[in-house]
Amino acid sequence: MQSFPNLTVVEHAIIQDKLARLRDKATPFFDFRTLLEDISLLLFYEASRKLSTRDETIETPLESMTVRRLQHPILLVPILRAGLGMANGIVKVFPEARIGVLGMYRDETTLQPVDYYLRLPDDIRGMDVFLLDPMLATGGSAHSAVEKLKRHRAERIVMLAVIAAPEGVSVMQEHHPEVPIFTAALDRQLNSRGFILPGLGDAGDRYFGV
């Protein structure tokens, strides 16, 4: 298997069990929705492990003590549609996260990303930014999304993808080697339509039940 220094595959047993059910075509959309959200929050837990912290003094009911707090605010940037499912999972455990929105879809003929919406906070430079897309396939959407985040002065970007393809990881490694990618699985390849094999189909369709 090709080695990717920018990629971390989280092989936790709980994640892999949930991923197995997520892939199954017999899984109904309401279970798919819960599984995607669960995997996303577990990936976020792993990806946020080394975020910068600062010391702060607080008062417990008994005495003063020094605690560690996050150094920077967290911004989640889901790529619509399916990225919303990942954000929905993460905010269950970290409701303090702010959420940007990036509207983008893949042209089925050219397989190139097409933009249609972008909304980000003004102070993105001071945030830890998590780019969310369940499927890192060709890498075109992820590359374009990171370019936009950088143009808005984002300095610390991490990508979370439930499943990744070698082709997409290679694109990110070539263009954005400093952006770490956390995923639950590195699959075999893309098919002629740009879908990941073995993959799980269209994550957006399955999450929204359409």
N, C-alpha and C. Protein backbone atom coordinates (compact mmCIF):
# COMPACT_ATOMS: atom_id res chain seq x y z
N MET A 1 0.84 -1.21 0.00
CA MET A 1 0.00 0.00 0.00
C MET A 1 0.87 1.25 0.00
N GLN A 2 0.48 2.25 -0.79
CA GLN A 2 1.24 3.48 -0.86
C GLN A 2 1.23 4.19 0.48
N SER A 3 2.38 4.81 0.79
CA SER A 3 2.51 5.52 2.06
C SER A 3 2.21 7.00 1.85
N PHE A 4 1.40 7.56 2.75
CA PHE A 4 1.03 8.97 2.68
C PHE A 4 1.37 9.63 4.02
N PRO A 5 2.40 10.46 4.06
CA PRO A 5 2.77 11.10 5.33
C PRO A 5 1.73 12.06 5.86
N ASN A 6 0.80 12.53 5.01
CA ASN A 6 -0.23 13.47 5.45
C ASN A 6 -1.49 12.78 5.95
N LEU A 7 -1.50 11.43 5.95
CA LEU A 7 -2.72 10.69 6.25
C LEU A 7 -2.61 9.89 7.54
N THR A 8 -3.66 9.96 8.37
CA THR A 8 -3.80 9.10 9.54
C THR A 8 -5.08 8.29 9.39
N VAL A 9 -4.95 6.97 9.34
CA VAL A 9 -6.10 6.09 9.31
C VAL A 9 -6.39 5.65 10.74
N VAL A 10 -7.55 6.03 11.26
CA VAL A 10 -7.90 5.74 12.65
C VAL A 10 -8.53 4.34 12.69
N GLU A 11 -7.79 3.37 13.16
CA GLU A 11 -8.23 1.98 13.10
C GLU A 11 -8.83 1.50 14.42
N HIS A 12 -9.43 2.41 15.16
CA HIS A 12 -10.07 2.06 16.42
C HIS A 12 -11.19 1.05 16.15
N ALA A 13 -11.30 0.05 17.03
CA ALA A 13 -12.27 -1.02 16.82
C ALA A 13 -13.71 -0.53 16.74
N ILE A 14 -14.07 0.46 17.56
CA ILE A 14 -15.44 0.98 17.55
C ILE A 14 -15.73 1.69 16.22
N ILE A 15 -14.76 2.46 15.74
CA ILE A 15 -14.93 3.14 14.45
C ILE A 15 -15.09 2.12 13.33
N GLN A 16 -14.26 1.09 13.34
CA GLN A 16 -14.32 0.10 12.27
C GLN A 16 -15.63 -0.68 12.29
N ASP A 17 -16.16 -0.95 13.46
CA ASP A 17 -17.45 -1.63 13.56
C ASP A 17 -18.56 -0.76 12.98
N LYS A 18 -18.56 0.51 13.33
CA LYS A 18 -19.57 1.43 12.80
C LYS A 18 -19.40 1.62 11.29
N LEU A 19 -18.15 1.66 10.82
CA LEU A 19 -17.90 1.81 9.40
C LEU A 19 -18.42 0.61 8.62
N ALA A 20 -18.27 -0.57 9.17
CA ALA A 20 -18.77 -1.77 8.50
C ALA A 20 -20.27 -1.66 8.27
N ARG A 21 -21.01 -1.16 9.26
CA ARG A 21 -22.46 -1.01 9.11
C ARG A 21 -22.80 0.15 8.19
N LEU A 22 -21.96 1.19 8.19
CA LEU A 22 -22.18 2.33 7.31
C LEU A 22 -22.06 1.92 5.85
N ARG A 23 -21.13 1.05 5.54
CA ARG A 23 -20.91 0.61 4.15
C ARG A 23 -22.05 -0.26 3.63
N ASP A 24 -22.69 -1.02 4.50
CA ASP A 24 -23.67 -2.02 4.10
C ASP A 24 -24.85 -1.37 3.37
N LYS A 25 -25.13 -1.81 2.14
CA LYS A 25 -26.21 -1.20 1.36
C LYS A 25 -27.58 -1.45 1.98
N ALA A 26 -27.68 -2.43 2.87
CA ALA A 26 -28.95 -2.73 3.52
C ALA A 26 -29.23 -1.81 4.71
N THR A 27 -28.26 -0.99 5.12
CA THR A 27 -28.45 -0.09 6.25
C THR A 27 -29.42 1.03 5.87
N PRO A 28 -30.53 1.20 6.59
CA PRO A 28 -31.49 2.25 6.25
C PRO A 28 -30.92 3.63 6.54
N PHE A 29 -31.50 4.65 5.90
CA PHE A 29 -30.91 5.99 5.99
C PHE A 29 -30.89 6.52 7.43
N PHE A 30 -31.88 6.16 8.24
CA PHE A 30 -31.90 6.69 9.61
C PHE A 30 -30.77 6.08 10.45
N ASP A 31 -30.40 4.83 10.20
CA ASP A 31 -29.23 4.26 10.87
C ASP A 31 -27.94 4.80 10.26
N PHE A 32 -27.93 4.96 8.94
CA PHE A 32 -26.76 5.54 8.26
C PHE A 32 -26.44 6.91 8.85
N ARG A 33 -27.48 7.70 9.08
CA ARG A 33 -27.31 9.05 9.62
C ARG A 33 -26.61 9.01 10.98
N THR A 34 -27.08 8.15 11.86
CA THR A 34 -26.48 8.04 13.19
C THR A 34 -25.05 7.55 13.12
N LEU A 35 -24.80 6.55 12.27
CA LEU A 35 -23.46 5.98 12.14
C LEU A 35 -22.47 7.02 11.61
N LEU A 36 -22.87 7.79 10.61
CA LEU A 36 -21.98 8.81 10.06
C LEU A 36 -21.64 9.85 11.11
N GLU A 37 -22.62 10.27 11.88
CA GLU A 37 -22.38 11.26 12.93
C GLU A 37 -21.48 10.70 14.01
N ASP A 38 -21.68 9.44 14.39
CA ASP A 38 -20.84 8.82 15.42
C ASP A 38 -19.39 8.72 14.97
N ILE A 39 -19.18 8.25 13.74
CA ILE A 39 -17.81 8.13 13.23
C ILE A 39 -17.14 9.50 13.15
N SER A 40 -17.89 10.50 12.76
CA SER A 40 -17.34 11.85 12.63
C SER A 40 -16.86 12.39 13.96
N LEU A 41 -17.65 12.21 15.01
CA LEU A 41 -17.22 12.74 16.30
C LEU A 41 -16.02 11.97 16.84
N LEU A 42 -15.93 10.67 16.52
CA LEU A 42 -14.76 9.89 16.95
C LEU A 42 -13.51 10.30 16.18
N LEU A 43 -13.65 10.60 14.89
CA LEU A 43 -12.51 11.11 14.12
C LEU A 43 -12.07 12.47 14.64
N PHE A 44 -13.05 13.30 14.97
CA PHE A 44 -12.73 14.62 15.52
C PHE A 44 -11.97 14.49 16.84
N TYR A 45 -12.37 13.55 17.66
CA TYR A 45 -11.68 13.32 18.93
C TYR A 45 -10.21 13.01 18.69
N GLU A 46 -9.93 12.13 17.73
CA GLU A 46 -8.55 11.78 17.42
C GLU A 46 -7.80 12.96 16.80
N ALA A 47 -8.43 13.66 15.88
CA ALA A 47 -7.76 14.75 15.17
C ALA A 47 -7.48 15.95 16.05
N SER A 48 -8.27 16.12 17.11
CA SER A 48 -8.11 17.28 18.00
C SER A 48 -7.20 17.00 19.19
N ARG A 49 -6.62 15.81 19.22
CA ARG A 49 -5.83 15.38 20.37
C ARG A 49 -4.68 16.34 20.69
N LYS A 50 -4.05 16.91 19.67
CA LYS A 50 -2.85 17.73 19.88
C LYS A 50 -3.09 19.22 19.64
N LEU A 51 -4.33 19.67 19.75
CA LEU A 51 -4.58 21.10 19.62
C LEU A 51 -3.87 21.87 20.73
N SER A 52 -3.46 23.08 20.42
CA SER A 52 -2.75 23.91 21.40
C SER A 52 -3.67 24.29 22.55
N THR A 53 -3.10 24.33 23.74
CA THR A 53 -3.85 24.74 24.93
C THR A 53 -3.10 25.85 25.66
N ARG A 54 -3.80 26.50 26.57
CA ARG A 54 -3.21 27.55 27.41
C ARG A 54 -3.60 27.29 28.86
N ASP A 55 -2.78 27.76 29.77
CA ASP A 55 -3.08 27.63 31.20
C ASP A 55 -4.03 28.73 31.65
N GLU A 56 -4.94 28.36 32.54
CA GLU A 56 -5.90 29.32 33.08
C GLU A 56 -6.19 28.95 34.53
N THR A 57 -6.34 29.94 35.35
CA THR A 57 -6.65 29.70 36.77
C THR A 57 -8.16 29.78 36.99
N ILE A 58 -8.70 28.77 37.66
CA ILE A 58 -10.13 28.76 37.97
C ILE A 58 -10.30 28.49 39.46
N GLU A 59 -11.53 28.65 39.93
CA GLU A 59 -11.86 28.32 41.31
C GLU A 59 -12.76 27.09 41.32
N THR A 60 -12.31 26.01 41.91
CA THR A 60 -13.18 24.87 42.16
C THR A 60 -13.99 25.16 43.42
N PRO A 61 -14.94 24.34 43.80
CA PRO A 61 -15.65 24.58 45.06
C PRO A 61 -14.75 24.57 46.28
N LEU A 62 -13.50 24.04 46.14
CA LEU A 62 -12.61 23.91 47.29
C LEU A 62 -11.39 24.79 47.25
N GLU A 63 -10.86 25.08 46.05
CA GLU A 63 -9.63 25.87 45.98
C GLU A 63 -9.36 26.32 44.55
N SER A 64 -8.32 27.14 44.39
CA SER A 64 -7.88 27.56 43.07
C SER A 64 -7.03 26.47 42.44
N MET A 65 -7.05 26.41 41.11
CA MET A 65 -6.17 25.48 40.42
C MET A 65 -5.93 25.98 39.00
N THR A 66 -4.84 25.51 38.42
CA THR A 66 -4.50 25.82 37.04
C THR A 66 -5.01 24.71 36.14
N VAL A 67 -5.75 25.10 35.11
CA VAL A 67 -6.32 24.13 34.17
C VAL A 67 -5.83 24.46 32.76
N ARG A 68 -6.08 23.54 31.85
CA ARG A 68 -5.72 23.74 30.45
C ARG A 68 -6.99 23.97 29.64
N ARG A 69 -6.99 25.04 28.86
CA ARG A 69 -8.11 25.37 27.98
C ARG A 69 -7.60 25.44 26.55
N LEU A 70 -8.48 25.24 25.59
CA LEU A 70 -8.07 25.35 24.19
C LEU A 70 -7.54 26.75 23.89
N GLN A 71 -6.46 26.78 23.13
CA GLN A 71 -5.83 28.05 22.79
C GLN A 71 -6.64 28.83 21.75
N HIS A 72 -7.25 28.12 20.83
CA HIS A 72 -7.94 28.78 19.72
C HIS A 72 -9.38 28.26 19.59
N PRO A 73 -10.29 29.10 19.12
CA PRO A 73 -11.64 28.62 18.83
C PRO A 73 -11.61 27.58 17.70
N ILE A 74 -12.62 26.73 17.67
CA ILE A 74 -12.71 25.69 16.64
C ILE A 74 -13.79 26.07 15.64
N LEU A 75 -13.43 25.94 14.36
CA LEU A 75 -14.37 26.20 13.27
C LEU A 75 -14.53 24.93 12.45
N LEU A 76 -15.76 24.49 12.29
CA LEU A 76 -16.07 23.36 11.42
C LEU A 76 -16.54 23.90 10.07
N VAL A 77 -15.98 23.37 8.99
CA VAL A 77 -16.38 23.80 7.64
C VAL A 77 -16.82 22.57 6.86
N PRO A 78 -18.10 22.22 6.92
CA PRO A 78 -18.61 21.09 6.13
C PRO A 78 -18.78 21.48 4.66
N ILE A 79 -18.42 20.55 3.78
CA ILE A 79 -18.72 20.72 2.36
C ILE A 79 -20.12 20.15 2.14
N LEU A 80 -21.02 21.00 1.67
CA LEU A 80 -22.40 20.56 1.45
C LEU A 80 -22.47 19.54 0.32
N ARG A 81 -23.37 18.52 0.40
CA ARG A 81 -24.38 18.33 1.43
C ARG A 81 -23.86 17.50 2.60
N ALA A 82 -23.19 16.41 2.24
CA ALA A 82 -22.94 15.35 3.21
C ALA A 82 -22.06 15.80 4.38
N GLY A 83 -21.26 16.84 4.18
CA GLY A 83 -20.43 17.33 5.26
C GLY A 83 -21.23 17.82 6.45
N LEU A 84 -22.50 18.21 6.20
CA LEU A 84 -23.36 18.64 7.30
C LEU A 84 -23.57 17.52 8.31
N GLY A 85 -23.65 16.29 7.82
CA GLY A 85 -23.81 15.16 8.74
C GLY A 85 -22.64 15.02 9.68
N MET A 86 -21.44 15.29 9.19
CA MET A 86 -20.26 15.22 10.04
C MET A 86 -20.29 16.32 11.10
N ALA A 87 -20.67 17.53 10.68
CA ALA A 87 -20.77 18.63 11.64
C ALA A 87 -21.82 18.34 12.70
N ASN A 88 -22.94 17.74 12.29
CA ASN A 88 -23.99 17.41 13.25
C ASN A 88 -23.50 16.45 14.31
N GLY A 89 -22.63 15.53 13.93
CA GLY A 89 -22.07 14.61 14.91
C GLY A 89 -21.11 15.28 15.88
N ILE A 90 -20.24 16.14 15.34
CA ILE A 90 -19.20 16.77 16.17
C ILE A 90 -19.78 17.72 17.19
N VAL A 91 -20.81 18.50 16.81
CA VAL A 91 -21.35 19.47 17.76
C VAL A 91 -22.09 18.82 18.91
N LYS A 92 -22.37 17.53 18.81
CA LYS A 92 -22.98 16.83 19.94
C LYS A 92 -22.03 16.78 21.12
N VAL A 93 -20.73 16.67 20.84
CA VAL A 93 -19.74 16.59 21.92
C VAL A 93 -18.98 17.89 22.10
N PHE A 94 -19.04 18.79 21.10
CA PHE A 94 -18.36 20.07 21.22
C PHE A 94 -19.26 21.17 20.66
N PRO A 95 -20.31 21.53 21.39
CA PRO A 95 -21.26 22.53 20.89
C PRO A 95 -20.67 23.92 20.77
N GLU A 96 -19.50 24.15 21.37
CA GLU A 96 -18.86 25.47 21.26
C GLU A 96 -18.31 25.74 19.86
N ALA A 97 -18.20 24.73 19.04
CA ALA A 97 -17.64 24.90 17.70
C ALA A 97 -18.51 25.83 16.86
N ARG A 98 -17.85 26.71 16.14
CA ARG A 98 -18.55 27.53 15.16
C ARG A 98 -18.58 26.77 13.83
N ILE A 99 -19.52 27.13 12.96
CA ILE A 99 -19.71 26.39 11.72
C ILE A 99 -19.73 27.34 10.53
N GLY A 100 -18.80 27.12 9.61
CA GLY A 100 -18.85 27.79 8.32
C GLY A 100 -19.58 26.88 7.34
N VAL A 101 -19.84 27.39 6.14
CA VAL A 101 -20.55 26.59 5.15
C VAL A 101 -19.86 26.75 3.80
N LEU A 102 -19.59 25.64 3.14
CA LEU A 102 -18.99 25.65 1.81
C LEU A 102 -19.86 24.80 0.88
N GLY A 103 -20.54 25.47 -0.04
CA GLY A 103 -21.39 24.77 -1.00
C GLY A 103 -20.60 24.42 -2.24
N MET A 104 -20.54 23.12 -2.54
CA MET A 104 -19.74 22.66 -3.66
C MET A 104 -20.28 21.31 -4.12
N TYR A 105 -20.35 21.11 -5.43
CA TYR A 105 -20.72 19.79 -5.93
C TYR A 105 -19.79 19.42 -7.08
N ARG A 106 -19.75 18.13 -7.40
CA ARG A 106 -18.86 17.64 -8.44
C ARG A 106 -19.62 17.48 -9.75
N ASP A 107 -19.13 18.11 -10.80
CA ASP A 107 -19.71 17.93 -12.12
C ASP A 107 -19.51 16.48 -12.54
N GLU A 108 -20.60 15.79 -12.84
CA GLU A 108 -20.52 14.36 -13.12
C GLU A 108 -19.84 14.04 -14.44
N THR A 109 -19.70 15.05 -15.31
CA THR A 109 -19.02 14.83 -16.59
C THR A 109 -17.52 15.08 -16.48
N THR A 110 -17.16 16.23 -15.90
CA THR A 110 -15.74 16.58 -15.81
C THR A 110 -15.09 16.10 -14.52
N LEU A 111 -15.92 15.74 -13.51
CA LEU A 111 -15.47 15.37 -12.16
C LEU A 111 -14.77 16.52 -11.44
N GLN A 112 -14.99 17.76 -11.93
CA GLN A 112 -14.39 18.94 -11.31
C GLN A 112 -15.38 19.59 -10.35
N PRO A 113 -14.87 20.22 -9.26
CA PRO A 113 -15.77 20.86 -8.30
C PRO A 113 -16.40 22.13 -8.84
N VAL A 114 -17.67 22.33 -8.50
CA VAL A 114 -18.41 23.54 -8.87
C VAL A 114 -18.87 24.22 -7.58
N ASP A 115 -18.49 25.49 -7.40
CA ASP A 115 -18.84 26.23 -6.18
C ASP A 115 -20.19 26.91 -6.33
N TYR A 116 -20.95 26.97 -5.23
CA TYR A 116 -22.19 27.74 -5.28
C TYR A 116 -22.47 28.51 -4.00
N TYR A 117 -21.68 28.31 -2.92
CA TYR A 117 -21.95 29.06 -1.69
C TYR A 117 -20.73 29.00 -0.78
N LEU A 118 -20.46 30.11 -0.10
CA LEU A 118 -19.38 30.15 0.88
C LEU A 118 -19.73 31.16 1.96
N ARG A 119 -19.68 30.71 3.21
CA ARG A 119 -19.94 31.61 4.34
C ARG A 119 -18.99 31.24 5.48
N LEU A 120 -18.08 32.16 5.82
CA LEU A 120 -17.08 31.91 6.85
C LEU A 120 -17.03 33.09 7.81
N PRO A 121 -16.60 32.87 9.06
CA PRO A 121 -16.42 33.99 9.99
C PRO A 121 -15.30 34.91 9.52
N ASP A 122 -15.34 36.16 9.96
CA ASP A 122 -14.30 37.11 9.58
C ASP A 122 -12.97 36.82 10.24
N ASP A 123 -12.99 36.23 11.43
CA ASP A 123 -11.77 36.04 12.21
C ASP A 123 -11.23 34.62 12.08
N ILE A 124 -11.32 34.03 10.89
CA ILE A 124 -10.92 32.65 10.67
C ILE A 124 -9.43 32.43 10.93
N ARG A 125 -8.62 33.48 10.78
CA ARG A 125 -7.18 33.34 10.95
C ARG A 125 -6.81 32.84 12.35
N GLY A 126 -7.59 33.18 13.35
CA GLY A 126 -7.27 32.79 14.71
C GLY A 126 -7.90 31.48 15.14
N MET A 127 -8.42 30.69 14.20
CA MET A 127 -9.15 29.48 14.56
C MET A 127 -8.43 28.21 14.12
N ASP A 128 -8.76 27.11 14.79
CA ASP A 128 -8.40 25.79 14.32
C ASP A 128 -9.54 25.31 13.44
N VAL A 129 -9.25 25.11 12.15
CA VAL A 129 -10.29 24.84 11.15
C VAL A 129 -10.30 23.36 10.79
N PHE A 130 -11.50 22.76 10.84
CA PHE A 130 -11.68 21.36 10.46
C PHE A 130 -12.56 21.31 9.22
N LEU A 131 -11.98 20.89 8.10
CA LEU A 131 -12.70 20.72 6.86
C LEU A 131 -13.35 19.34 6.85
N LEU A 132 -14.66 19.28 6.59
CA LEU A 132 -15.42 18.04 6.73
C LEU A 132 -16.02 17.61 5.40
N ASP A 133 -15.67 16.40 4.96
CA ASP A 133 -16.26 15.81 3.77
C ASP A 133 -16.17 14.29 3.92
N PRO A 134 -17.31 13.59 3.95
CA PRO A 134 -17.26 12.15 4.21
C PRO A 134 -16.39 11.37 3.23
N MET A 135 -16.35 11.80 1.96
CA MET A 135 -15.65 11.04 0.94
C MET A 135 -14.55 11.88 0.30
N LEU A 136 -13.30 11.53 0.53
CA LEU A 136 -12.18 12.17 -0.16
C LEU A 136 -11.88 11.29 -1.38
N ALA A 137 -12.47 11.65 -2.52
CA ALA A 137 -12.40 10.80 -3.71
C ALA A 137 -11.31 11.29 -4.67
N THR A 138 -11.67 12.14 -5.64
CA THR A 138 -10.67 12.64 -6.59
C THR A 138 -9.72 13.65 -5.95
N GLY A 139 -10.17 14.28 -4.88
CA GLY A 139 -9.38 15.32 -4.24
C GLY A 139 -9.65 16.71 -4.78
N GLY A 140 -10.45 16.81 -5.85
CA GLY A 140 -10.71 18.11 -6.44
C GLY A 140 -11.45 19.05 -5.51
N SER A 141 -12.50 18.56 -4.86
CA SER A 141 -13.27 19.41 -3.95
C SER A 141 -12.44 19.80 -2.73
N ALA A 142 -11.70 18.84 -2.18
CA ALA A 142 -10.88 19.12 -1.00
C ALA A 142 -9.80 20.14 -1.32
N HIS A 143 -9.14 19.98 -2.46
CA HIS A 143 -8.10 20.93 -2.88
C HIS A 143 -8.69 22.32 -3.03
N SER A 144 -9.82 22.43 -3.73
CA SER A 144 -10.46 23.72 -3.94
C SER A 144 -10.91 24.34 -2.63
N ALA A 145 -11.43 23.51 -1.72
CA ALA A 145 -11.89 24.01 -0.42
C ALA A 145 -10.73 24.57 0.40
N VAL A 146 -9.62 23.87 0.43
CA VAL A 146 -8.46 24.35 1.19
C VAL A 146 -7.92 25.65 0.58
N GLU A 147 -7.92 25.74 -0.75
CA GLU A 147 -7.49 26.98 -1.39
C GLU A 147 -8.35 28.15 -0.93
N LYS A 148 -9.65 27.94 -0.84
CA LYS A 148 -10.55 29.01 -0.39
C LYS A 148 -10.30 29.37 1.07
N LEU A 149 -10.09 28.37 1.90
CA LEU A 149 -9.81 28.64 3.31
C LEU A 149 -8.52 29.42 3.47
N LYS A 150 -7.52 29.08 2.69
CA LYS A 150 -6.25 29.81 2.77
C LYS A 150 -6.41 31.24 2.29
N ARG A 151 -7.22 31.45 1.26
CA ARG A 151 -7.45 32.82 0.78
C ARG A 151 -8.16 33.66 1.83
N HIS A 152 -8.91 33.00 2.71
CA HIS A 152 -9.56 33.71 3.83
C HIS A 152 -8.66 33.73 5.07
N ARG A 153 -7.39 33.40 4.89
CA ARG A 153 -6.33 33.53 5.90
C ARG A 153 -6.37 32.46 6.97
N ALA A 154 -6.97 31.32 6.67
CA ALA A 154 -6.88 30.21 7.62
C ALA A 154 -5.43 29.72 7.68
N GLU A 155 -4.95 29.51 8.89
CA GLU A 155 -3.55 29.11 9.08
C GLU A 155 -3.40 27.67 9.57
N ARG A 156 -4.43 27.15 10.24
CA ARG A 156 -4.36 25.79 10.79
C ARG A 156 -5.59 25.03 10.29
N ILE A 157 -5.36 24.10 9.37
CA ILE A 157 -6.45 23.36 8.74
C ILE A 157 -6.20 21.86 8.90
N VAL A 158 -7.25 21.14 9.30
CA VAL A 158 -7.23 19.68 9.36
C VAL A 158 -8.43 19.19 8.56
N MET A 159 -8.25 18.11 7.80
CA MET A 159 -9.37 17.54 7.06
C MET A 159 -9.81 16.23 7.69
N LEU A 160 -11.13 16.06 7.83
CA LEU A 160 -11.71 14.80 8.28
C LEU A 160 -12.53 14.21 7.14
N ALA A 161 -12.26 12.93 6.83
CA ALA A 161 -13.01 12.21 5.79
C ALA A 161 -13.29 10.81 6.31
N VAL A 162 -14.52 10.36 6.21
CA VAL A 162 -14.84 9.03 6.70
C VAL A 162 -14.11 7.97 5.88
N ILE A 163 -14.10 8.13 4.55
CA ILE A 163 -13.38 7.21 3.66
C ILE A 163 -12.56 8.03 2.68
N ALA A 164 -11.35 7.57 2.38
CA ALA A 164 -10.48 8.26 1.43
C ALA A 164 -10.01 7.30 0.36
N ALA A 165 -9.74 7.84 -0.82
CA ALA A 165 -9.15 7.08 -1.92
C ALA A 165 -7.71 7.53 -2.11
N PRO A 166 -6.83 6.65 -2.54
CA PRO A 166 -5.43 7.03 -2.76
C PRO A 166 -5.29 8.22 -3.70
N GLU A 167 -6.15 8.30 -4.72
CA GLU A 167 -6.06 9.40 -5.68
C GLU A 167 -6.29 10.75 -5.00
N GLY A 168 -7.28 10.81 -4.13
CA GLY A 168 -7.57 12.06 -3.44
C GLY A 168 -6.50 12.45 -2.44
N VAL A 169 -6.00 11.46 -1.71
CA VAL A 169 -4.93 11.74 -0.74
C VAL A 169 -3.69 12.24 -1.47
N SER A 170 -3.40 11.67 -2.64
CA SER A 170 -2.23 12.10 -3.42
C SER A 170 -2.35 13.55 -3.85
N VAL A 171 -3.56 13.96 -4.27
CA VAL A 171 -3.78 15.35 -4.67
C VAL A 171 -3.54 16.28 -3.49
N MET A 172 -4.06 15.93 -2.34
CA MET A 172 -3.87 16.76 -1.16
C MET A 172 -2.40 16.80 -0.73
N GLN A 173 -1.74 15.68 -0.84
CA GLN A 173 -0.32 15.64 -0.47
C GLN A 173 0.52 16.50 -1.39
N GLU A 174 0.15 16.52 -2.67
CA GLU A 174 0.89 17.33 -3.65
C GLU A 174 0.68 18.82 -3.43
N HIS A 175 -0.56 19.22 -3.20
CA HIS A 175 -0.89 20.65 -3.15
C HIS A 175 -0.91 21.23 -1.74
N HIS A 176 -1.24 20.41 -0.75
CA HIS A 176 -1.36 20.91 0.63
C HIS A 176 -0.73 19.90 1.60
N PRO A 177 0.54 19.66 1.50
CA PRO A 177 1.18 18.63 2.34
C PRO A 177 1.13 18.94 3.82
N GLU A 178 0.90 20.21 4.17
CA GLU A 178 0.87 20.60 5.59
C GLU A 178 -0.49 20.36 6.22
N VAL A 179 -1.50 19.98 5.43
CA VAL A 179 -2.85 19.74 5.96
C VAL A 179 -3.00 18.25 6.30
N PRO A 180 -3.06 17.91 7.58
CA PRO A 180 -3.24 16.51 7.94
C PRO A 180 -4.65 16.03 7.62
N ILE A 181 -4.77 14.76 7.24
CA ILE A 181 -6.05 14.15 6.92
C ILE A 181 -6.28 12.98 7.87
N PHE A 182 -7.44 12.96 8.50
CA PHE A 182 -7.83 11.85 9.36
C PHE A 182 -9.01 11.14 8.72
N THR A 183 -8.91 9.82 8.60
CA THR A 183 -9.96 9.04 7.96
C THR A 183 -10.13 7.71 8.68
N ALA A 184 -11.29 7.08 8.47
CA ALA A 184 -11.53 5.77 9.05
C ALA A 184 -11.04 4.65 8.14
N ALA A 185 -10.82 4.97 6.84
CA ALA A 185 -10.40 3.92 5.90
C ALA A 185 -9.77 4.53 4.66
N LEU A 186 -8.69 3.90 4.18
CA LEU A 186 -8.12 4.22 2.88
C LEU A 186 -8.52 3.08 1.94
N ASP A 187 -9.46 3.37 1.04
CA ASP A 187 -9.98 2.33 0.16
C ASP A 187 -9.07 2.10 -1.05
N ARG A 188 -9.51 1.19 -1.92
CA ARG A 188 -8.65 0.68 -2.98
C ARG A 188 -8.39 1.70 -4.10
N GLN A 189 -9.46 2.26 -4.67
CA GLN A 189 -9.31 3.10 -5.85
C GLN A 189 -10.62 3.77 -6.19
N LEU A 190 -10.59 4.59 -7.26
CA LEU A 190 -11.80 5.19 -7.82
C LEU A 190 -12.25 4.41 -9.04
N ASN A 191 -13.58 4.45 -9.29
CA ASN A 191 -14.05 3.87 -10.54
C ASN A 191 -14.08 4.96 -11.61
N SER A 192 -14.60 4.65 -12.80
CA SER A 192 -14.59 5.59 -13.92
C SER A 192 -15.47 6.81 -13.67
N ARG A 193 -16.39 6.71 -12.72
CA ARG A 193 -17.27 7.84 -12.38
C ARG A 193 -16.75 8.65 -11.20
N GLY A 194 -15.58 8.28 -10.69
CA GLY A 194 -14.99 9.02 -9.58
C GLY A 194 -15.54 8.62 -8.23
N PHE A 195 -16.22 7.47 -8.13
CA PHE A 195 -16.69 6.96 -6.85
C PHE A 195 -15.64 6.04 -6.24
N ILE A 196 -15.56 6.07 -4.92
CA ILE A 196 -14.57 5.25 -4.21
C ILE A 196 -15.01 3.80 -4.18
N LEU A 197 -14.05 2.89 -4.44
CA LEU A 197 -14.27 1.45 -4.34
C LEU A 197 -13.43 0.86 -3.22
N PRO A 198 -14.01 0.04 -2.33
CA PRO A 198 -15.41 -0.38 -2.32
C PRO A 198 -16.39 0.69 -1.83
N GLY A 199 -15.92 1.64 -1.03
CA GLY A 199 -16.73 2.80 -0.67
C GLY A 199 -18.02 2.49 0.05
N LEU A 200 -19.00 3.39 -0.13
CA LEU A 200 -20.33 3.21 0.49
C LEU A 200 -21.43 3.85 -0.34
N GLY A 201 -21.12 4.21 -1.58
CA GLY A 201 -22.10 4.88 -2.42
C GLY A 201 -22.07 6.38 -2.23
N ASP A 202 -23.18 7.03 -2.48
CA ASP A 202 -23.29 8.48 -2.34
C ASP A 202 -23.66 8.81 -0.89
N ALA A 203 -22.71 9.36 -0.15
CA ALA A 203 -22.94 9.63 1.28
C ALA A 203 -24.08 10.62 1.50
N GLY A 204 -24.19 11.63 0.64
CA GLY A 204 -25.25 12.62 0.80
C GLY A 204 -26.63 12.01 0.60
N ASP A 205 -26.78 11.23 -0.47
CA ASP A 205 -28.06 10.59 -0.73
C ASP A 205 -28.46 9.66 0.41
N ARG A 206 -27.49 8.90 0.91
CA ARG A 206 -27.80 7.93 1.96
C ARG A 206 -28.07 8.62 3.30
N TYR A 207 -27.39 9.72 3.57
CA TYR A 207 -27.60 10.43 4.84
C TYR A 207 -28.97 11.12 4.86
N PHE A 208 -29.36 11.72 3.75
CA PHE A 208 -30.62 12.47 3.71
C PHE A 208 -31.80 11.61 3.26
N GLY A 209 -31.54 10.37 2.85
CA GLY A 209 -32.62 9.47 2.51
C GLY A 209 -33.32 9.81 1.21
N VAL A 210 -32.54 10.30 0.22
CA VAL A 210 -33.12 10.68 -1.08
C VAL A 210 -32.49 9.86 -2.19
